[in-house]
Amino acid sequence: MDEQIYATLARVLSFLAVFLLVLGGKFFFTAKKRENLRKDLPLPFTFSGFPNEIKILKDTFGSGLKDLFGTKSETVAADIKRAALPLDPEDVFACQLLWAVLLGVCGAVVLLLLETDPPYMLGGVLIFGFTGWLIPAVQIQNLAEARQNSIRRALPFAIDLISSAMAAGLDFSAAVRYYVERSLPAPLTQEFGITLKMLELGSNRNDALKAMADRLGIDEFRSLVNAVVQGTEMGSSITETLRINAEEIRRVRVAAAERRAQRAPSLMMIPMALFIMPSVFIIIFVPIYLRVQSSGMAGLF
């Protein structure tokens, strides 16, 4: 039995060694190409690792998958827009298909080496393939959420700086340029840079801010834009509007933090019920059970 286990482990390790060698060679020969593609907008590993294969699958199955998952494609397009990635839903579906096949094949090889029964092998392959299908979409969603959180954290300070620059005598375009030029590279700085370019090309201030609100997909900033548009139509001071809305955004952030803090005790119940309480019961009752057995009273129970 031990020899069979050692032989199976040797097969698995041999497969992993060959697989990692091939994968490492793939990344070594395509490293320069990946460095030259969109340095300002780096793609996740699942997309940057196999660009040629994803393009082939996109050209072959991209449009069909987009039509098949119509509602999902809209959600994916919204996540791509919020993450500011140079992709479209067809790229995401092609990447999902690629990783579903890759993980499915890897799972099949591993289960074959382990000499698994056919029903269990089929279930394992389906689980591996479904996991590979989910990974790219989850990555895009996580990147979009991380970018939105970064923008939410930086937004109040940015609005305060722009409003202070306008109070000092600058117009809106000059105040935005002042913020962009004196801020570190960040998602919000990038978005304000796009808005500044739109203003320099002749776009209306309200239209540029509405376009920025559509790109960000953040309710607090959309409310700010609506307040600025209404204030402009009524002739009120935009500086005071920006300052008031910056305070409102801070209050929203504090309220969101308080809600997350209130949810913490209920979320802690899950790991406690799964991991901590069984351990406590084992520590308490196992010695009692062993002592009862050793005393000869086990037949009473």
Protein backbone atom coordinates (compact mmCIF):
# COMPACT_ATOMS: atom_id res chain seq x y z
CA MET A 1 0.00 0.00 0.00
CA ASP A 2 2.83 2.38 0.85
CA GLU A 3 4.56 1.65 -2.43
CA GLN A 4 1.36 2.47 -4.33
CA ILE A 5 1.03 5.79 -2.49
CA TYR A 6 4.66 6.68 -3.20
CA ALA A 7 4.23 5.78 -6.88
CA THR A 8 1.12 7.98 -7.13
CA LEU A 9 2.90 10.90 -5.44
CA ALA A 10 5.83 10.47 -7.80
CA ARG A 11 3.50 10.66 -10.80
CA VAL A 12 1.80 13.78 -9.47
CA LEU A 13 5.12 15.50 -8.74
CA SER A 14 6.43 14.55 -12.19
CA PHE A 15 3.37 16.04 -13.84
CA LEU A 16 3.64 19.24 -11.78
CA ALA A 17 7.34 19.57 -12.62
CA VAL A 18 6.69 19.28 -16.36
CA PHE A 19 3.68 21.59 -16.17
CA LEU A 20 5.57 24.28 -14.25
CA LEU A 21 8.52 23.98 -16.65
CA VAL A 22 6.27 24.52 -19.67
CA LEU A 23 4.42 27.36 -17.96
CA GLY A 24 7.68 29.03 -16.93
CA GLY A 25 9.00 28.81 -20.49
CA LYS A 26 5.78 30.36 -21.74
CA PHE A 27 6.15 33.35 -19.43
CA PHE A 28 9.87 33.69 -20.13
CA PHE A 29 9.45 33.98 -23.88
CA THR A 30 6.47 36.35 -23.64
CA ALA A 31 7.77 38.58 -20.84
CA LYS A 32 8.95 41.39 -23.09
CA LYS A 33 5.71 41.41 -25.01
CA ARG A 34 3.70 41.68 -21.81
CA GLU A 35 5.89 44.53 -20.56
CA ASN A 36 5.22 46.56 -23.68
CA LEU A 37 1.42 46.08 -23.58
CA ARG A 38 -0.41 48.81 -21.69
CA LYS A 39 2.12 49.64 -18.98
CA ASP A 40 -0.28 52.21 -17.58
CA LEU A 41 -3.12 49.67 -17.36
CA PRO A 42 -1.64 46.31 -16.31
CA LEU A 43 -3.87 43.34 -16.94
CA PRO A 44 -4.48 40.55 -14.42
CA PHE A 45 -2.41 37.39 -14.63
CA THR A 46 -5.21 35.41 -16.23
CA PHE A 47 -5.29 37.82 -19.18
CA SER A 48 -1.62 38.77 -19.53
CA GLY A 49 -0.33 35.18 -19.36
CA PHE A 50 -1.94 33.91 -22.57
CA PRO A 51 -2.70 36.90 -24.86
CA ASN A 52 -2.42 34.99 -28.14
CA GLU A 53 -4.62 32.11 -27.01
CA ILE A 54 -7.24 34.51 -25.66
CA LYS A 55 -7.28 36.38 -28.97
CA ILE A 56 -7.83 33.15 -30.92
CA LEU A 57 -10.69 32.10 -28.65
CA LYS A 58 -12.15 35.60 -28.83
CA ASP A 59 -12.17 35.57 -32.62
CA THR A 60 -13.68 32.07 -32.65
CA PHE A 61 -16.18 32.01 -29.77
CA GLY A 62 -16.28 35.58 -28.40
CA SER A 63 -19.37 36.88 -30.17
CA GLY A 64 -21.26 33.63 -29.62
CA LEU A 65 -20.55 33.64 -25.88
CA LYS A 66 -21.53 37.32 -25.65
CA ASP A 67 -24.89 36.58 -27.30
CA LEU A 68 -25.38 33.51 -25.11
CA PHE A 69 -24.71 35.41 -21.86
CA GLY A 70 -26.47 38.67 -22.73
CA THR A 71 -27.27 39.82 -19.18
CA LYS A 72 -23.91 38.68 -17.86
CA SER A 73 -22.09 40.56 -20.63
CA GLU A 74 -23.67 43.83 -19.44
CA THR A 75 -22.47 43.19 -15.90
CA VAL A 76 -19.00 42.31 -17.15
CA ALA A 77 -18.89 45.46 -19.31
CA ALA A 78 -19.82 47.57 -16.26
CA ASP A 79 -17.05 45.92 -14.19
CA ILE A 80 -14.52 46.50 -16.97
CA LYS A 81 -15.53 50.15 -17.16
CA ARG A 82 -15.20 50.62 -13.42
CA ALA A 83 -11.83 48.83 -13.42
CA ALA A 84 -10.60 50.96 -16.38
CA LEU A 85 -9.14 47.96 -18.19
CA PRO A 86 -8.52 47.82 -21.98
CA LEU A 87 -10.88 44.87 -22.41
CA ASP A 88 -14.37 44.06 -23.62
CA PRO A 89 -16.83 41.31 -22.59
CA GLU A 90 -15.65 39.08 -25.45
CA ASP A 91 -12.10 39.14 -24.01
CA VAL A 92 -13.42 38.13 -20.61
CA PHE A 93 -15.54 35.27 -21.96
CA ALA A 94 -12.62 34.02 -24.07
CA CYS A 95 -10.36 34.10 -21.01
CA GLN A 96 -12.97 32.27 -18.97
CA LEU A 97 -13.24 29.58 -21.62
CA LEU A 98 -9.44 29.22 -21.77
CA TRP A 99 -9.04 28.83 -18.01
CA ALA A 100 -11.99 26.47 -17.80
CA VAL A 101 -10.30 24.20 -20.34
CA LEU A 102 -6.85 24.53 -18.71
CA LEU A 103 -8.00 23.74 -15.19
CA GLY A 104 -10.33 21.04 -16.46
CA VAL A 105 -7.47 19.31 -18.27
CA CYS A 106 -5.14 19.69 -15.29
CA GLY A 107 -7.82 18.26 -13.00
CA ALA A 108 -8.38 15.33 -15.37
CA VAL A 109 -4.65 14.53 -15.50
CA VAL A 110 -4.27 14.69 -11.72
CA LEU A 111 -7.32 12.49 -11.17
CA LEU A 112 -6.05 10.00 -13.75
CA LEU A 113 -2.73 9.81 -11.96
CA LEU A 114 -4.60 9.21 -8.71
CA GLU A 115 -6.57 6.41 -10.44
CA THR A 116 -9.92 7.92 -9.46
CA ASP A 117 -13.18 6.20 -10.36
CA PRO A 118 -14.91 7.61 -13.49
CA PRO A 119 -17.89 9.23 -11.67
CA TYR A 120 -15.61 11.03 -9.22
CA MET A 121 -13.28 11.97 -12.07
CA LEU A 122 -16.13 13.56 -14.03
CA GLY A 123 -17.25 15.51 -10.98
CA GLY A 124 -13.69 16.67 -10.29
CA VAL A 125 -13.18 17.80 -13.88
CA LEU A 126 -16.44 19.76 -13.76
CA ILE A 127 -15.42 21.41 -10.48
CA PHE A 128 -11.97 22.32 -11.84
CA GLY A 129 -13.48 23.66 -15.07
CA PHE A 130 -16.13 25.72 -13.28
CA THR A 131 -13.45 27.19 -11.03
CA GLY A 132 -11.40 28.18 -14.06
CA TRP A 133 -14.50 29.75 -15.63
CA LEU A 134 -15.11 31.90 -12.54
CA ILE A 135 -11.56 33.12 -11.91
CA PRO A 136 -11.27 35.84 -14.66
CA ALA A 137 -14.69 37.36 -13.93
CA VAL A 138 -13.99 37.41 -10.18
CA GLN A 139 -10.63 39.08 -10.83
CA ILE A 140 -12.28 41.82 -12.91
CA GLN A 141 -14.90 42.36 -10.22
CA ASN A 142 -12.28 42.56 -7.46
CA LEU A 143 -10.21 45.05 -9.44
CA ALA A 144 -13.29 47.22 -10.04
CA GLU A 145 -14.19 47.18 -6.33
CA ALA A 146 -10.60 47.95 -5.29
CA ARG A 147 -10.44 50.87 -7.73
CA GLN A 148 -13.74 52.26 -6.50
CA ASN A 149 -12.62 51.99 -2.87
CA SER A 150 -9.40 53.82 -3.71
CA ILE A 151 -11.38 56.59 -5.42
CA ARG A 152 -13.79 56.86 -2.49
CA ARG A 153 -10.90 57.30 -0.06
CA ALA A 154 -9.24 60.01 -2.14
CA LEU A 155 -12.37 61.85 -3.27
CA PRO A 156 -13.00 64.13 -0.24
CA PHE A 157 -9.42 65.42 -0.18
CA ALA A 158 -9.46 65.98 -3.95
CA ILE A 159 -12.70 67.96 -3.76
CA ASP A 160 -11.35 70.05 -0.87
CA LEU A 161 -8.18 70.81 -2.82
CA ILE A 162 -10.08 71.77 -5.97
CA SER A 163 -12.54 73.94 -4.06
CA SER A 164 -9.67 75.67 -2.16
CA ALA A 165 -7.89 76.36 -5.45
CA MET A 166 -11.11 77.83 -6.88
CA ALA A 167 -11.59 79.95 -3.75
CA ALA A 168 -8.06 81.27 -4.32
CA GLY A 169 -9.06 82.59 -7.76
CA LEU A 170 -8.59 79.70 -10.19
CA ASP A 171 -11.34 78.53 -12.50
CA PHE A 172 -12.51 74.92 -12.49
CA SER A 173 -10.18 73.71 -15.27
CA ALA A 174 -7.14 75.34 -13.66
CA ALA A 175 -8.07 73.91 -10.26
CA VAL A 176 -8.38 70.39 -11.70
CA ARG A 177 -5.03 70.83 -13.48
CA TYR A 178 -3.49 71.95 -10.18
CA TYR A 179 -4.76 68.78 -8.48
CA VAL A 180 -3.64 66.46 -11.28
CA GLU A 181 -0.15 67.92 -11.56
CA ARG A 182 0.52 67.88 -7.81
CA SER A 183 -0.94 64.50 -6.93
CA LEU A 184 0.67 61.09 -7.02
CA PRO A 185 -0.49 58.66 -9.73
CA ALA A 186 -3.76 57.15 -8.58
CA PRO A 187 -7.10 56.09 -10.08
CA LEU A 188 -8.80 59.37 -9.11
CA THR A 189 -5.92 61.40 -10.53
CA GLN A 190 -6.22 59.42 -13.76
CA GLU A 191 -9.97 60.10 -13.98
CA PHE A 192 -9.53 63.82 -13.31
CA GLY A 193 -6.82 63.84 -15.98
CA ILE A 194 -9.32 62.43 -18.50
CA THR A 195 -11.86 65.06 -17.44
CA LEU A 196 -9.23 67.78 -17.83
CA LYS A 197 -8.46 66.63 -21.37
CA MET A 198 -12.17 66.75 -22.19
CA LEU A 199 -12.34 70.31 -20.87
CA GLU A 200 -9.29 71.34 -22.87
CA LEU A 201 -10.88 69.88 -26.02
CA GLY A 202 -13.90 72.13 -25.57
CA SER A 203 -16.39 69.97 -23.63
CA ASN A 204 -18.81 71.59 -21.23
CA ARG A 205 -17.90 71.32 -17.55
CA ASN A 206 -21.19 69.64 -16.70
CA ASP A 207 -20.86 67.17 -19.56
CA ALA A 208 -17.28 66.31 -18.56
CA LEU A 209 -18.32 65.71 -14.94
CA LYS A 210 -21.29 63.58 -16.02
CA ALA A 211 -18.99 61.48 -18.19
CA MET A 212 -16.63 61.05 -15.24
CA ALA A 213 -19.54 59.99 -13.01
CA ASP A 214 -20.56 57.38 -15.59
CA ARG A 215 -17.01 55.99 -15.70
CA LEU A 216 -16.66 55.81 -11.92
CA GLY A 217 -20.09 54.38 -11.10
CA ILE A 218 -19.94 55.84 -7.57
CA ASP A 219 -23.21 57.15 -6.13
CA GLU A 220 -21.53 59.80 -3.97
CA PHE A 221 -19.74 61.34 -6.93
CA ARG A 222 -22.90 61.17 -9.06
CA SER A 223 -24.73 63.11 -6.33
CA LEU A 224 -21.90 65.64 -6.33
CA VAL A 225 -22.19 66.09 -10.10
CA ASN A 226 -25.95 66.56 -9.86
CA ALA A 227 -25.47 69.18 -7.16
CA VAL A 228 -22.88 71.00 -9.28
CA VAL A 229 -25.16 70.94 -12.33
CA GLN A 230 -28.14 72.26 -10.35
CA GLY A 231 -26.00 74.90 -8.68
CA THR A 232 -24.67 76.06 -12.04
CA GLU A 233 -28.19 76.37 -13.43
CA MET A 234 -29.34 78.33 -10.38
CA GLY A 235 -26.24 80.55 -10.36
CA SER A 236 -24.95 79.49 -6.94
CA SER A 237 -21.28 79.23 -5.97
CA ILE A 238 -19.67 76.00 -7.16
CA THR A 239 -16.96 76.33 -4.52
CA GLU A 240 -19.44 76.13 -1.66
CA THR A 241 -21.25 73.27 -3.39
CA LEU A 242 -18.03 71.28 -3.65
CA ARG A 243 -17.17 71.92 -0.02
CA ILE A 244 -20.58 70.84 1.26
CA ASN A 245 -20.56 67.67 -0.81
CA ALA A 246 -17.04 66.79 0.37
CA GLU A 247 -18.34 66.81 3.94
CA GLU A 248 -21.33 64.72 2.87
CA ILE A 249 -19.03 62.14 1.26
CA ARG A 250 -17.05 61.93 4.49
CA ARG A 251 -20.24 61.33 6.46
CA VAL A 252 -21.23 58.57 4.03
CA ARG A 253 -17.83 56.91 4.48
CA VAL A 254 -18.15 57.07 8.28
CA ALA A 255 -21.66 55.59 8.13
CA ALA A 256 -20.43 52.78 5.86
CA ALA A 257 -17.56 52.04 8.27
CA GLU A 258 -20.00 51.91 11.19
CA ARG A 259 -22.24 49.48 9.28
CA ARG A 260 -19.28 47.21 8.57
CA ALA A 261 -18.28 47.36 12.24
CA GLN A 262 -21.80 46.39 13.32
CA ARG A 263 -21.76 43.41 10.96
CA ALA A 264 -18.47 42.09 12.38
CA PRO A 265 -19.98 40.18 15.35
CA SER A 266 -22.48 38.33 13.15
CA LEU A 267 -19.78 37.48 10.62
CA MET A 268 -17.56 36.14 13.40
CA MET A 269 -20.24 33.60 14.29
CA ILE A 270 -19.50 31.58 11.14
CA PRO A 271 -15.81 30.77 11.88
CA MET A 272 -16.66 30.31 15.55
CA ALA A 273 -19.37 27.77 14.75
CA LEU A 274 -17.22 25.94 12.18
CA PHE A 275 -13.80 25.91 13.86
CA ILE A 276 -13.73 27.18 17.44
CA MET A 277 -16.81 25.55 18.99
CA PRO A 278 -16.05 22.00 17.71
CA SER A 279 -12.54 22.30 19.12
CA VAL A 280 -13.90 23.41 22.48
CA PHE A 281 -16.37 20.52 22.57
CA ILE A 282 -13.60 18.05 21.69
CA ILE A 283 -11.34 19.39 24.43
CA ILE A 284 -14.14 19.25 27.01
CA PHE A 285 -15.97 16.03 26.20
CA VAL A 286 -13.27 13.68 24.86
CA PRO A 287 -11.45 13.36 28.23
CA ILE A 288 -14.80 12.76 29.93
CA TYR A 289 -15.70 10.09 27.40
CA LEU A 290 -12.33 8.37 27.75
CA ARG A 291 -12.58 8.38 31.55
CA VAL A 292 -16.11 6.96 31.41
CA GLN A 293 -14.93 4.19 29.09
CA SER A 294 -11.96 3.33 31.27
CA SER A 295 -14.17 3.18 34.37
CA GLY A 296 -16.44 0.55 32.82
CA MET A 297 -19.55 2.76 32.87
CA ALA A 298 -19.75 3.10 29.05
CA GLY A 299 -22.51 0.47 28.89
CA LEU A 300 -24.86 2.73 30.88
CA PHE A 301 -25.03 5.23 28.05
